Amino acid sequence: LYNAGVISGCQASPLQYCPDLNTQRQAMAKFICNAMEITDPGSCVTSTCTGVFDDVPAGNPFCGYIEALYNAGVISGCSGTSYCPASDVLREQMAKFLVSAFAFNL
C-alpha cells in the first residue's frame, strides 16, 4: 500500500507504519480516496475544501479527501452536518466505506 501510494505511514522520519494504532475517520478517508484513484482514476477527485462538514475546516490536511468521498457518494458523515474526523473508524463503518467506494455487490 505504501509503494502504491495509498498510505504514507504514521511517521516520515524514520518511516513507520504503526500497525497497533487505531485509524481515525479522517485518515481512512485518505486511504480510501487514494485507493479509488489508483483503481479508477477520476473516481475521487480532491479540490479546495468548501465546508461540507462543520467539523472539518479547510485547514484540515484531510479535508480534500473527506469532501471528495462525500462528492463521490461514498460517505455521508456521522450526523447531518458533521464528519467526526478524529473518531476511530469502526469495523461497520469501514465495511460501508469499502462497499460504497468500490461498488461491491453483496
N, C-alpha and C. Protein backbone atom coordinates (compact mmCIF):
# COMPACT_ATOMS: atom_id res chain seq x y z
N LEU A 1 0.83 -1.20 0.00
CA LEU A 1 0.00 0.00 0.00
C LEU A 1 0.86 1.25 0.00
N TYR A 2 1.98 1.20 0.70
CA TYR A 2 2.89 2.36 0.71
C TYR A 2 3.47 2.56 -0.69
N ASN A 3 3.96 1.49 -1.30
CA ASN A 3 4.56 1.60 -2.64
C ASN A 3 3.56 2.03 -3.70
N ALA A 4 2.30 1.69 -3.51
CA ALA A 4 1.25 2.08 -4.46
C ALA A 4 0.76 3.50 -4.24
N GLY A 5 1.15 4.12 -3.11
CA GLY A 5 0.74 5.50 -2.83
C GLY A 5 -0.58 5.62 -2.08
N VAL A 6 -1.08 4.51 -1.55
CA VAL A 6 -2.34 4.55 -0.81
C VAL A 6 -2.13 5.11 0.59
N ILE A 7 -1.05 4.71 1.23
CA ILE A 7 -0.75 5.16 2.59
C ILE A 7 0.62 5.81 2.65
N SER A 8 0.82 6.62 3.67
CA SER A 8 2.13 7.25 3.83
C SER A 8 2.77 6.92 5.17
N GLY A 9 2.11 6.16 6.02
CA GLY A 9 2.63 5.82 7.32
C GLY A 9 2.24 6.83 8.37
N CYS A 10 2.63 6.56 9.61
CA CYS A 10 2.27 7.45 10.71
C CYS A 10 3.41 8.41 11.03
N GLN A 11 4.57 8.15 10.48
CA GLN A 11 5.74 8.98 10.74
C GLN A 11 6.66 8.88 9.53
N ALA A 12 7.21 10.02 9.13
CA ALA A 12 8.05 10.04 7.93
C ALA A 12 9.52 9.76 8.20
N SER A 13 10.04 10.22 9.32
CA SER A 13 11.47 10.06 9.56
C SER A 13 11.75 9.67 11.01
N PRO A 14 12.12 8.43 11.26
CA PRO A 14 12.21 7.34 10.29
C PRO A 14 10.82 6.88 9.89
N LEU A 15 10.72 6.33 8.70
CA LEU A 15 9.44 5.87 8.18
C LEU A 15 8.89 4.76 9.07
N GLN A 16 7.65 4.95 9.53
CA GLN A 16 6.98 3.95 10.36
C GLN A 16 5.52 3.83 9.93
N TYR A 17 4.95 2.63 10.12
CA TYR A 17 3.55 2.39 9.79
C TYR A 17 2.65 2.43 11.03
N CYS A 18 3.15 2.01 12.19
CA CYS A 18 2.40 2.00 13.45
C CYS A 18 1.16 1.10 13.38
N PRO A 19 1.34 -0.18 13.14
CA PRO A 19 0.20 -1.09 12.95
C PRO A 19 -0.69 -1.26 14.18
N ASP A 20 -0.20 -0.93 15.36
CA ASP A 20 -1.01 -1.09 16.57
C ASP A 20 -1.88 0.11 16.90
N LEU A 21 -1.78 1.19 16.14
CA LEU A 21 -2.59 2.38 16.39
C LEU A 21 -3.96 2.24 15.73
N ASN A 22 -4.97 2.83 16.35
CA ASN A 22 -6.29 2.91 15.73
C ASN A 22 -6.22 3.90 14.58
N THR A 23 -7.15 3.78 13.64
CA THR A 23 -7.21 4.69 12.50
C THR A 23 -8.39 5.63 12.66
N GLN A 24 -8.13 6.91 12.48
CA GLN A 24 -9.19 7.90 12.56
C GLN A 24 -9.93 7.99 11.23
N ARG A 25 -11.18 8.47 11.31
CA ARG A 25 -12.01 8.59 10.11
C ARG A 25 -11.35 9.48 9.05
N GLN A 26 -10.65 10.53 9.48
CA GLN A 26 -10.01 11.42 8.51
C GLN A 26 -8.89 10.71 7.75
N ALA A 27 -8.10 9.90 8.43
CA ALA A 27 -7.03 9.16 7.76
C ALA A 27 -7.62 8.09 6.83
N MET A 28 -8.70 7.45 7.28
CA MET A 28 -9.34 6.44 6.43
C MET A 28 -9.86 7.07 5.15
N ALA A 29 -10.33 8.31 5.24
CA ALA A 29 -10.80 8.99 4.02
C ALA A 29 -9.66 9.09 3.00
N LYS A 30 -8.47 9.40 3.48
CA LYS A 30 -7.32 9.50 2.57
C LYS A 30 -6.99 8.13 1.98
N PHE A 31 -6.98 7.08 2.81
CA PHE A 31 -6.69 5.73 2.33
C PHE A 31 -7.66 5.35 1.21
N ILE A 32 -8.95 5.51 1.48
CA ILE A 32 -9.98 5.09 0.53
C ILE A 32 -9.91 5.91 -0.75
N CYS A 33 -9.77 7.23 -0.61
CA CYS A 33 -9.72 8.10 -1.79
C CYS A 33 -8.50 7.76 -2.66
N ASN A 34 -7.35 7.58 -2.03
CA ASN A 34 -6.15 7.21 -2.80
C ASN A 34 -6.33 5.88 -3.50
N ALA A 35 -6.92 4.90 -2.83
CA ALA A 35 -7.13 3.59 -3.44
C ALA A 35 -8.12 3.69 -4.60
N MET A 36 -9.17 4.50 -4.44
CA MET A 36 -10.12 4.69 -5.53
C MET A 36 -9.42 5.29 -6.76
N GLU A 37 -8.58 6.28 -6.54
CA GLU A 37 -7.88 6.93 -7.64
C GLU A 37 -6.93 5.99 -8.35
N ILE A 38 -6.30 5.09 -7.60
CA ILE A 38 -5.38 4.13 -8.21
C ILE A 38 -6.13 3.11 -9.05
N THR A 39 -7.27 2.64 -8.53
CA THR A 39 -8.01 1.60 -9.24
C THR A 39 -8.92 2.15 -10.33
N ASP A 40 -9.38 3.41 -10.16
CA ASP A 40 -10.28 4.02 -11.14
C ASP A 40 -10.01 5.53 -11.19
N PRO A 41 -8.99 5.95 -11.94
CA PRO A 41 -8.63 7.38 -11.97
C PRO A 41 -9.84 8.27 -12.26
N GLY A 42 -9.93 9.34 -11.48
CA GLY A 42 -11.03 10.28 -11.62
C GLY A 42 -12.23 9.97 -10.73
N SER A 43 -12.14 8.88 -9.97
CA SER A 43 -13.27 8.48 -9.13
C SER A 43 -13.30 9.17 -7.78
N CYS A 44 -12.20 9.81 -7.38
CA CYS A 44 -12.14 10.51 -6.09
C CYS A 44 -11.25 11.74 -6.26
N VAL A 45 -11.78 12.73 -6.91
CA VAL A 45 -11.02 13.94 -7.23
C VAL A 45 -11.06 14.92 -6.07
N THR A 46 -9.88 15.27 -5.56
CA THR A 46 -9.81 16.23 -4.47
C THR A 46 -9.72 17.65 -5.03
N SER A 47 -10.22 18.60 -4.23
CA SER A 47 -10.16 20.01 -4.63
C SER A 47 -10.16 20.86 -3.37
N THR A 48 -10.23 22.16 -3.55
CA THR A 48 -10.28 23.08 -2.42
C THR A 48 -11.53 22.79 -1.60
N CYS A 49 -11.37 22.80 -0.29
CA CYS A 49 -12.49 22.50 0.61
C CYS A 49 -13.54 23.58 0.57
N THR A 50 -14.78 23.14 0.64
CA THR A 50 -15.91 24.07 0.57
C THR A 50 -16.69 24.16 1.87
N GLY A 51 -16.31 23.36 2.88
CA GLY A 51 -17.01 23.41 4.15
C GLY A 51 -18.24 22.52 4.21
N VAL A 52 -18.18 21.37 3.57
CA VAL A 52 -19.30 20.44 3.58
C VAL A 52 -19.67 20.05 5.01
N PHE A 53 -18.66 19.77 5.82
CA PHE A 53 -18.89 19.36 7.21
C PHE A 53 -18.42 20.44 8.16
N ASP A 54 -19.25 20.74 9.16
CA ASP A 54 -18.94 21.79 10.13
C ASP A 54 -17.66 21.52 10.92
N ASP A 55 -17.32 20.26 11.13
CA ASP A 55 -16.18 19.91 11.97
C ASP A 55 -14.91 19.58 11.16
N VAL A 56 -14.91 19.90 9.87
CA VAL A 56 -13.72 19.68 9.03
C VAL A 56 -13.38 21.01 8.36
N PRO A 57 -12.54 21.82 9.02
CA PRO A 57 -12.19 23.12 8.45
C PRO A 57 -11.25 22.97 7.25
N ALA A 58 -11.17 23.99 6.45
CA ALA A 58 -10.32 23.97 5.26
C ALA A 58 -8.86 23.71 5.61
N GLY A 59 -8.44 24.07 6.81
CA GLY A 59 -7.06 23.84 7.23
C GLY A 59 -6.74 22.40 7.60
N ASN A 60 -7.74 21.55 7.69
CA ASN A 60 -7.51 20.13 8.00
C ASN A 60 -6.86 19.48 6.78
N PRO A 61 -5.68 18.84 6.96
CA PRO A 61 -4.99 18.26 5.80
C PRO A 61 -5.76 17.13 5.11
N PHE A 62 -6.79 16.61 5.76
CA PHE A 62 -7.60 15.54 5.17
C PHE A 62 -8.88 16.06 4.53
N CYS A 63 -9.14 17.35 4.64
CA CYS A 63 -10.40 17.93 4.17
C CYS A 63 -10.68 17.59 2.70
N GLY A 64 -9.72 17.72 1.84
CA GLY A 64 -9.92 17.44 0.42
C GLY A 64 -10.34 16.01 0.16
N TYR A 65 -9.76 15.07 0.91
CA TYR A 65 -10.12 13.65 0.75
C TYR A 65 -11.53 13.39 1.26
N ILE A 66 -11.85 13.99 2.43
CA ILE A 66 -13.17 13.81 3.02
C ILE A 66 -14.24 14.34 2.07
N GLU A 67 -14.04 15.54 1.57
CA GLU A 67 -15.05 16.13 0.68
C GLU A 67 -15.11 15.41 -0.67
N ALA A 68 -13.99 14.89 -1.15
CA ALA A 68 -14.01 14.12 -2.40
C ALA A 68 -14.85 12.85 -2.23
N LEU A 69 -14.71 12.18 -1.09
CA LEU A 69 -15.52 10.99 -0.83
C LEU A 69 -16.99 11.34 -0.68
N TYR A 70 -17.26 12.47 -0.05
CA TYR A 70 -18.64 12.93 0.06
C TYR A 70 -19.23 13.20 -1.33
N ASN A 71 -18.48 13.90 -2.14
CA ASN A 71 -18.95 14.23 -3.50
C ASN A 71 -19.10 13.00 -4.38
N ALA A 72 -18.32 11.95 -4.09
CA ALA A 72 -18.42 10.71 -4.85
C ALA A 72 -19.53 9.80 -4.32
N GLY A 73 -20.20 10.22 -3.24
CA GLY A 73 -21.28 9.42 -2.67
C GLY A 73 -20.83 8.26 -1.81
N VAL A 74 -19.58 8.29 -1.37
CA VAL A 74 -19.04 7.19 -0.56
C VAL A 74 -19.38 7.39 0.92
N ILE A 75 -19.34 8.62 1.40
CA ILE A 75 -19.60 8.90 2.81
C ILE A 75 -20.71 9.94 2.95
N SER A 76 -21.30 9.95 4.13
CA SER A 76 -22.32 10.95 4.41
C SER A 76 -22.07 11.64 5.75
N GLY A 77 -21.04 11.24 6.47
CA GLY A 77 -20.73 11.84 7.76
C GLY A 77 -21.29 11.03 8.91
N CYS A 78 -21.05 11.54 10.12
CA CYS A 78 -21.53 10.84 11.32
C CYS A 78 -22.85 11.42 11.81
N SER A 79 -23.22 12.58 11.28
CA SER A 79 -24.53 13.19 11.53
C SER A 79 -24.83 14.10 10.35
N GLY A 80 -25.89 14.85 10.40
CA GLY A 80 -26.28 15.68 9.28
C GLY A 80 -25.24 16.65 8.79
N THR A 81 -24.49 17.27 9.69
CA THR A 81 -23.51 18.29 9.29
C THR A 81 -22.10 18.02 9.82
N SER A 82 -21.87 16.85 10.39
CA SER A 82 -20.56 16.53 10.98
C SER A 82 -19.97 15.27 10.35
N TYR A 83 -18.65 15.22 10.33
CA TYR A 83 -17.93 14.03 9.85
C TYR A 83 -17.28 13.26 10.99
N CYS A 84 -16.98 13.93 12.10
CA CYS A 84 -16.29 13.31 13.25
C CYS A 84 -14.90 12.82 12.82
N PRO A 85 -14.06 13.71 12.28
CA PRO A 85 -12.79 13.30 11.68
C PRO A 85 -11.82 12.61 12.63
N ALA A 86 -11.83 12.96 13.92
CA ALA A 86 -10.87 12.38 14.86
C ALA A 86 -11.39 11.11 15.52
N SER A 87 -12.62 10.70 15.23
CA SER A 87 -13.15 9.46 15.79
C SER A 87 -12.51 8.27 15.09
N ASP A 88 -12.34 7.19 15.85
CA ASP A 88 -11.81 5.97 15.26
C ASP A 88 -12.83 5.37 14.29
N VAL A 89 -12.33 4.70 13.28
CA VAL A 89 -13.20 4.02 12.31
C VAL A 89 -13.63 2.69 12.91
N LEU A 90 -14.92 2.49 13.00
CA LEU A 90 -15.45 1.21 13.46
C LEU A 90 -15.47 0.24 12.28
N ARG A 91 -15.46 -1.04 12.57
CA ARG A 91 -15.45 -2.05 11.51
C ARG A 91 -16.68 -1.92 10.60
N GLU A 92 -17.84 -1.61 11.18
CA GLU A 92 -19.04 -1.45 10.36
C GLU A 92 -18.91 -0.26 9.42
N GLN A 93 -18.25 0.81 9.88
CA GLN A 93 -18.03 1.98 9.02
C GLN A 93 -17.06 1.64 7.91
N MET A 94 -16.02 0.91 8.26
CA MET A 94 -15.03 0.51 7.26
C MET A 94 -15.69 -0.33 6.18
N ALA A 95 -16.58 -1.21 6.57
CA ALA A 95 -17.28 -2.04 5.59
C ALA A 95 -18.09 -1.16 4.64
N LYS A 96 -18.79 -0.17 5.17
CA LYS A 96 -19.58 0.73 4.32
C LYS A 96 -18.68 1.52 3.39
N PHE A 97 -17.56 2.04 3.91
CA PHE A 97 -16.63 2.79 3.06
C PHE A 97 -16.20 1.93 1.87
N LEU A 98 -15.79 0.70 2.15
CA LEU A 98 -15.29 -0.17 1.08
C LEU A 98 -16.38 -0.55 0.07
N VAL A 99 -17.56 -0.90 0.57
CA VAL A 99 -18.65 -1.27 -0.34
C VAL A 99 -19.03 -0.07 -1.22
N SER A 100 -19.14 1.10 -0.61
CA SER A 100 -19.53 2.29 -1.38
C SER A 100 -18.43 2.74 -2.34
N ALA A 101 -17.19 2.68 -1.91
CA ALA A 101 -16.08 3.16 -2.73
C ALA A 101 -15.81 2.28 -3.94
N PHE A 102 -15.97 0.99 -3.76
CA PHE A 102 -15.59 0.06 -4.83
C PHE A 102 -16.78 -0.68 -5.42
N ALA A 103 -17.99 -0.23 -5.11
CA ALA A 103 -19.23 -0.76 -5.70
C ALA A 103 -19.32 -2.28 -5.61
N PHE A 104 -19.02 -2.82 -4.44
CA PHE A 104 -19.17 -4.26 -4.24
C PHE A 104 -20.64 -4.61 -4.24
N ASN A 105 -21.00 -5.68 -4.90
CA ASN A 105 -22.37 -6.20 -4.87
C ASN A 105 -22.43 -7.29 -3.83
N LEU A 106 -23.18 -7.04 -2.78
CA LEU A 106 -23.27 -8.04 -1.70
C LEU A 106 -24.60 -8.75 -1.73
